[in-house]
Structure formats: C-alpha cells, structure tokens
N, C-alpha and C. Protein backbone atom coordinates (compact mmCIF):
# COMPACT_ATOMS: atom_id res chain seq x y z
N UNK A 1 6.53 -18.39 -9.44
CA UNK A 1 6.76 -18.75 -10.82
C UNK A 1 7.76 -17.78 -11.44
N UNK A 2 8.79 -18.28 -12.05
CA UNK A 2 9.76 -17.39 -12.68
C UNK A 2 9.16 -16.67 -13.88
N UNK A 3 9.51 -15.42 -14.00
CA UNK A 3 9.05 -14.65 -15.15
C UNK A 3 7.69 -14.01 -14.99
N UNK A 4 6.99 -14.31 -13.91
CA UNK A 4 5.66 -13.73 -13.71
C UNK A 4 5.81 -12.35 -13.08
N UNK A 5 5.12 -11.36 -13.63
CA UNK A 5 5.22 -9.99 -13.13
C UNK A 5 4.19 -9.76 -12.03
N UNK A 6 4.59 -8.98 -11.03
CA UNK A 6 3.70 -8.65 -9.94
C UNK A 6 2.71 -7.54 -10.31
N UNK A 7 3.14 -6.66 -11.20
CA UNK A 7 2.32 -5.53 -11.60
C UNK A 7 2.80 -5.03 -12.95
N UNK A 8 1.95 -4.32 -13.69
CA UNK A 8 2.37 -3.78 -14.99
C UNK A 8 3.18 -2.50 -14.81
N UNK A 9 4.46 -2.55 -15.08
CA UNK A 9 5.35 -1.41 -14.86
C UNK A 9 4.94 -0.19 -15.66
N UNK A 10 4.57 -0.39 -16.91
CA UNK A 10 4.20 0.74 -17.76
C UNK A 10 2.98 1.46 -17.21
N UNK A 11 2.02 0.71 -16.70
CA UNK A 11 0.80 1.31 -16.15
C UNK A 11 1.13 2.14 -14.91
N UNK A 12 1.98 1.62 -14.04
CA UNK A 12 2.37 2.37 -12.84
C UNK A 12 3.07 3.66 -13.23
N UNK A 13 3.97 3.59 -14.22
CA UNK A 13 4.68 4.79 -14.66
C UNK A 13 3.71 5.82 -15.22
N UNK A 14 2.71 5.37 -15.99
CA UNK A 14 1.73 6.30 -16.56
C UNK A 14 0.91 6.96 -15.47
N UNK A 15 0.51 6.20 -14.46
CA UNK A 15 -0.29 6.75 -13.37
C UNK A 15 0.51 7.79 -12.60
N UNK A 16 1.75 7.46 -12.27
CA UNK A 16 2.59 8.40 -11.52
C UNK A 16 2.85 9.66 -12.34
N UNK A 17 3.14 9.50 -13.60
CA UNK A 17 3.40 10.65 -14.46
C UNK A 17 2.15 11.53 -14.59
N UNK A 18 0.98 10.91 -14.69
CA UNK A 18 -0.25 11.68 -14.82
C UNK A 18 -0.56 12.48 -13.56
N UNK A 19 -0.24 11.93 -12.39
CA UNK A 19 -0.55 12.61 -11.14
C UNK A 19 0.50 13.62 -10.72
N UNK A 20 1.74 13.45 -11.19
CA UNK A 20 2.80 14.34 -10.74
C UNK A 20 3.31 15.28 -11.82
N UNK A 21 2.91 15.06 -13.08
CA UNK A 21 3.38 15.84 -14.21
C UNK A 21 4.91 15.83 -14.32
N UNK A 22 5.53 14.75 -13.87
CA UNK A 22 6.98 14.59 -13.95
C UNK A 22 7.29 13.24 -14.59
N UNK A 23 8.45 13.16 -15.23
CA UNK A 23 8.85 11.87 -15.76
C UNK A 23 9.34 10.99 -14.62
N UNK A 24 9.27 9.70 -14.82
CA UNK A 24 9.63 8.74 -13.78
C UNK A 24 10.96 8.11 -14.17
N UNK A 25 11.91 8.11 -13.24
CA UNK A 25 13.21 7.52 -13.54
C UNK A 25 13.10 6.00 -13.67
N UNK A 26 14.21 5.39 -14.04
CA UNK A 26 14.22 3.98 -14.45
C UNK A 26 13.55 3.03 -13.46
N UNK A 27 13.93 3.06 -12.20
CA UNK A 27 13.40 2.10 -11.23
C UNK A 27 12.51 2.73 -10.17
N UNK A 28 12.05 3.95 -10.40
CA UNK A 28 11.19 4.61 -9.42
C UNK A 28 9.87 3.87 -9.25
N UNK A 29 9.36 3.29 -10.33
CA UNK A 29 8.09 2.56 -10.23
C UNK A 29 8.22 1.35 -9.33
N UNK A 30 9.39 0.72 -9.32
CA UNK A 30 9.62 -0.43 -8.44
C UNK A 30 9.58 0.03 -6.98
N UNK A 31 10.23 1.15 -6.70
CA UNK A 31 10.24 1.66 -5.33
C UNK A 31 8.84 2.09 -4.89
N UNK A 32 8.09 2.68 -5.78
CA UNK A 32 6.71 3.08 -5.46
C UNK A 32 5.87 1.85 -5.15
N UNK A 33 6.01 0.81 -5.97
CA UNK A 33 5.25 -0.42 -5.75
C UNK A 33 5.63 -1.08 -4.42
N UNK A 34 6.92 -1.14 -4.12
CA UNK A 34 7.37 -1.76 -2.87
C UNK A 34 6.89 -0.96 -1.66
N UNK A 35 6.91 0.35 -1.76
CA UNK A 35 6.41 1.18 -0.66
C UNK A 35 4.91 0.96 -0.46
N UNK A 36 4.19 0.85 -1.57
CA UNK A 36 2.75 0.56 -1.49
C UNK A 36 2.50 -0.79 -0.82
N UNK A 37 3.28 -1.79 -1.18
CA UNK A 37 3.10 -3.12 -0.59
C UNK A 37 3.42 -3.12 0.90
N UNK A 38 4.45 -2.38 1.31
CA UNK A 38 4.76 -2.25 2.74
C UNK A 38 3.62 -1.56 3.48
N UNK A 39 3.07 -0.53 2.86
CA UNK A 39 1.94 0.17 3.48
C UNK A 39 0.75 -0.76 3.66
N UNK A 40 0.42 -1.53 2.63
CA UNK A 40 -0.72 -2.44 2.72
C UNK A 40 -0.48 -3.52 3.76
N UNK A 41 0.74 -4.03 3.83
CA UNK A 41 1.08 -5.05 4.83
C UNK A 41 0.91 -4.49 6.24
N UNK A 42 1.39 -3.27 6.45
CA UNK A 42 1.25 -2.62 7.74
C UNK A 42 -0.21 -2.37 8.08
N UNK A 43 -0.98 -1.92 7.11
CA UNK A 43 -2.40 -1.64 7.32
C UNK A 43 -3.16 -2.90 7.73
N UNK A 44 -2.89 -4.00 7.05
CA UNK A 44 -3.57 -5.25 7.38
C UNK A 44 -3.16 -5.76 8.76
N UNK A 45 -1.87 -5.64 9.09
CA UNK A 45 -1.39 -6.07 10.41
C UNK A 45 -2.05 -5.27 11.52
N UNK A 46 -2.06 -3.95 11.37
CA UNK A 46 -2.66 -3.08 12.38
C UNK A 46 -4.18 -3.30 12.48
N UNK A 47 -4.83 -3.50 11.34
CA UNK A 47 -6.28 -3.77 11.35
C UNK A 47 -6.58 -5.10 12.02
N UNK A 48 -5.72 -6.07 11.83
CA UNK A 48 -5.89 -7.37 12.47
C UNK A 48 -5.78 -7.24 13.99
N UNK A 49 -4.80 -6.47 14.45
CA UNK A 49 -4.65 -6.24 15.89
C UNK A 49 -5.87 -5.52 16.45
N UNK A 50 -6.33 -4.51 15.73
CA UNK A 50 -7.51 -3.75 16.16
C UNK A 50 -8.74 -4.64 16.23
N UNK A 51 -8.90 -5.51 15.25
CA UNK A 51 -10.05 -6.41 15.21
C UNK A 51 -10.02 -7.39 16.39
N UNK A 52 -8.84 -7.93 16.68
CA UNK A 52 -8.72 -8.87 17.80
C UNK A 52 -9.02 -8.18 19.12
N UNK A 53 -8.54 -6.95 19.27
CA UNK A 53 -8.81 -6.20 20.50
C UNK A 53 -10.29 -5.85 20.63
N UNK A 54 -10.95 -5.69 19.49
CA UNK A 54 -12.37 -5.36 19.49
C UNK A 54 -13.26 -6.59 19.58
N UNK A 55 -12.68 -7.77 19.64
CA UNK A 55 -13.45 -9.01 19.78
C UNK A 55 -14.07 -9.49 18.47
N UNK A 56 -13.57 -9.01 17.35
CA UNK A 56 -14.11 -9.43 16.07
C UNK A 56 -13.39 -10.70 15.60
N UNK A 57 -14.04 -11.45 14.74
CA UNK A 57 -13.45 -12.71 14.27
C UNK A 57 -12.45 -12.50 13.14
N UNK A 58 -12.61 -11.43 12.39
CA UNK A 58 -11.71 -11.14 11.28
C UNK A 58 -11.61 -9.64 11.07
N UNK A 59 -10.86 -9.27 10.07
CA UNK A 59 -10.69 -7.86 9.74
C UNK A 59 -11.96 -7.33 9.10
N UNK A 60 -12.44 -6.21 9.60
CA UNK A 60 -13.64 -5.59 9.05
C UNK A 60 -13.30 -4.19 8.54
N UNK A 61 -14.22 -3.61 7.81
CA UNK A 61 -14.02 -2.25 7.31
C UNK A 61 -13.84 -1.27 8.47
N UNK A 62 -14.53 -1.52 9.56
CA UNK A 62 -14.42 -0.64 10.73
C UNK A 62 -13.02 -0.67 11.31
N UNK A 63 -12.43 -1.86 11.41
CA UNK A 63 -11.08 -1.96 11.97
C UNK A 63 -10.04 -1.33 11.03
N UNK A 64 -10.26 -1.45 9.73
CA UNK A 64 -9.35 -0.83 8.77
C UNK A 64 -9.45 0.70 8.86
N UNK A 65 -10.67 1.21 8.95
CA UNK A 65 -10.87 2.66 9.04
C UNK A 65 -10.22 3.24 10.29
N UNK A 66 -10.26 2.47 11.39
CA UNK A 66 -9.69 2.96 12.64
C UNK A 66 -8.18 3.13 12.57
N UNK A 67 -7.50 2.28 11.82
CA UNK A 67 -6.04 2.31 11.78
C UNK A 67 -5.46 3.01 10.56
N UNK A 68 -6.33 3.42 9.62
CA UNK A 68 -5.85 4.02 8.37
C UNK A 68 -5.05 5.31 8.62
N UNK A 69 -5.54 6.18 9.46
CA UNK A 69 -4.86 7.45 9.70
C UNK A 69 -3.46 7.24 10.29
N UNK A 70 -3.34 6.33 11.24
CA UNK A 70 -2.03 6.06 11.84
C UNK A 70 -1.07 5.44 10.83
N UNK A 71 -1.58 4.52 10.01
CA UNK A 71 -0.72 3.88 9.00
C UNK A 71 -0.27 4.89 7.96
N UNK A 72 -1.17 5.78 7.54
CA UNK A 72 -0.79 6.82 6.58
C UNK A 72 0.26 7.75 7.16
N UNK A 73 0.14 8.06 8.44
CA UNK A 73 1.10 8.94 9.10
C UNK A 73 2.49 8.31 9.13
N UNK A 74 2.56 6.99 9.31
CA UNK A 74 3.85 6.30 9.33
C UNK A 74 4.54 6.36 7.98
N UNK A 75 3.77 6.35 6.90
CA UNK A 75 4.35 6.30 5.56
C UNK A 75 4.40 7.66 4.87
N UNK A 76 4.07 8.70 5.60
CA UNK A 76 4.11 10.03 5.00
C UNK A 76 5.57 10.44 4.81
N UNK A 77 5.90 10.88 3.60
CA UNK A 77 7.30 11.20 3.29
C UNK A 77 7.62 12.57 3.56
C-alpha cells in the first residue's frame, strides 16, 4: 500500500538516542531498521534450517536459540 509506514521513525530515533546518548543523523534510523530486518531474516532462515535438520515440523524456540549466537556474530559491527 502506498504511503503506509513500516515503522515509526521518530520512535526509532528516540530509542537509539536514549541508548547511545548521541544524536541520530537524517537517515540513520532507516539504516538501523534495514539492518535489523536483515538480521531477523537471517535468524529465521537459519532457525528453519536447524529445525529441519532436527526433524521438527516448524521453527521452535530451541532452534532459534541454537542459531542466535552465530547470527549475532555475522551482524556484529
């Protein structure tokens, strides 16, 4: 749908500013959101592979926990 926002930009900027004590440049919140979405996509993909290898029917908390450390390591800046 045109004009529909994926996330509240002002809220993301406030959260980042509160955690980093720094001001956020014009489009930094967009980059943060896109990086977050890539991380979540990777996490779900890896958890799905882990679940299939473990003989599970779908993604479970156990499969997500198993791949979280590796996914975080990939996205560490």
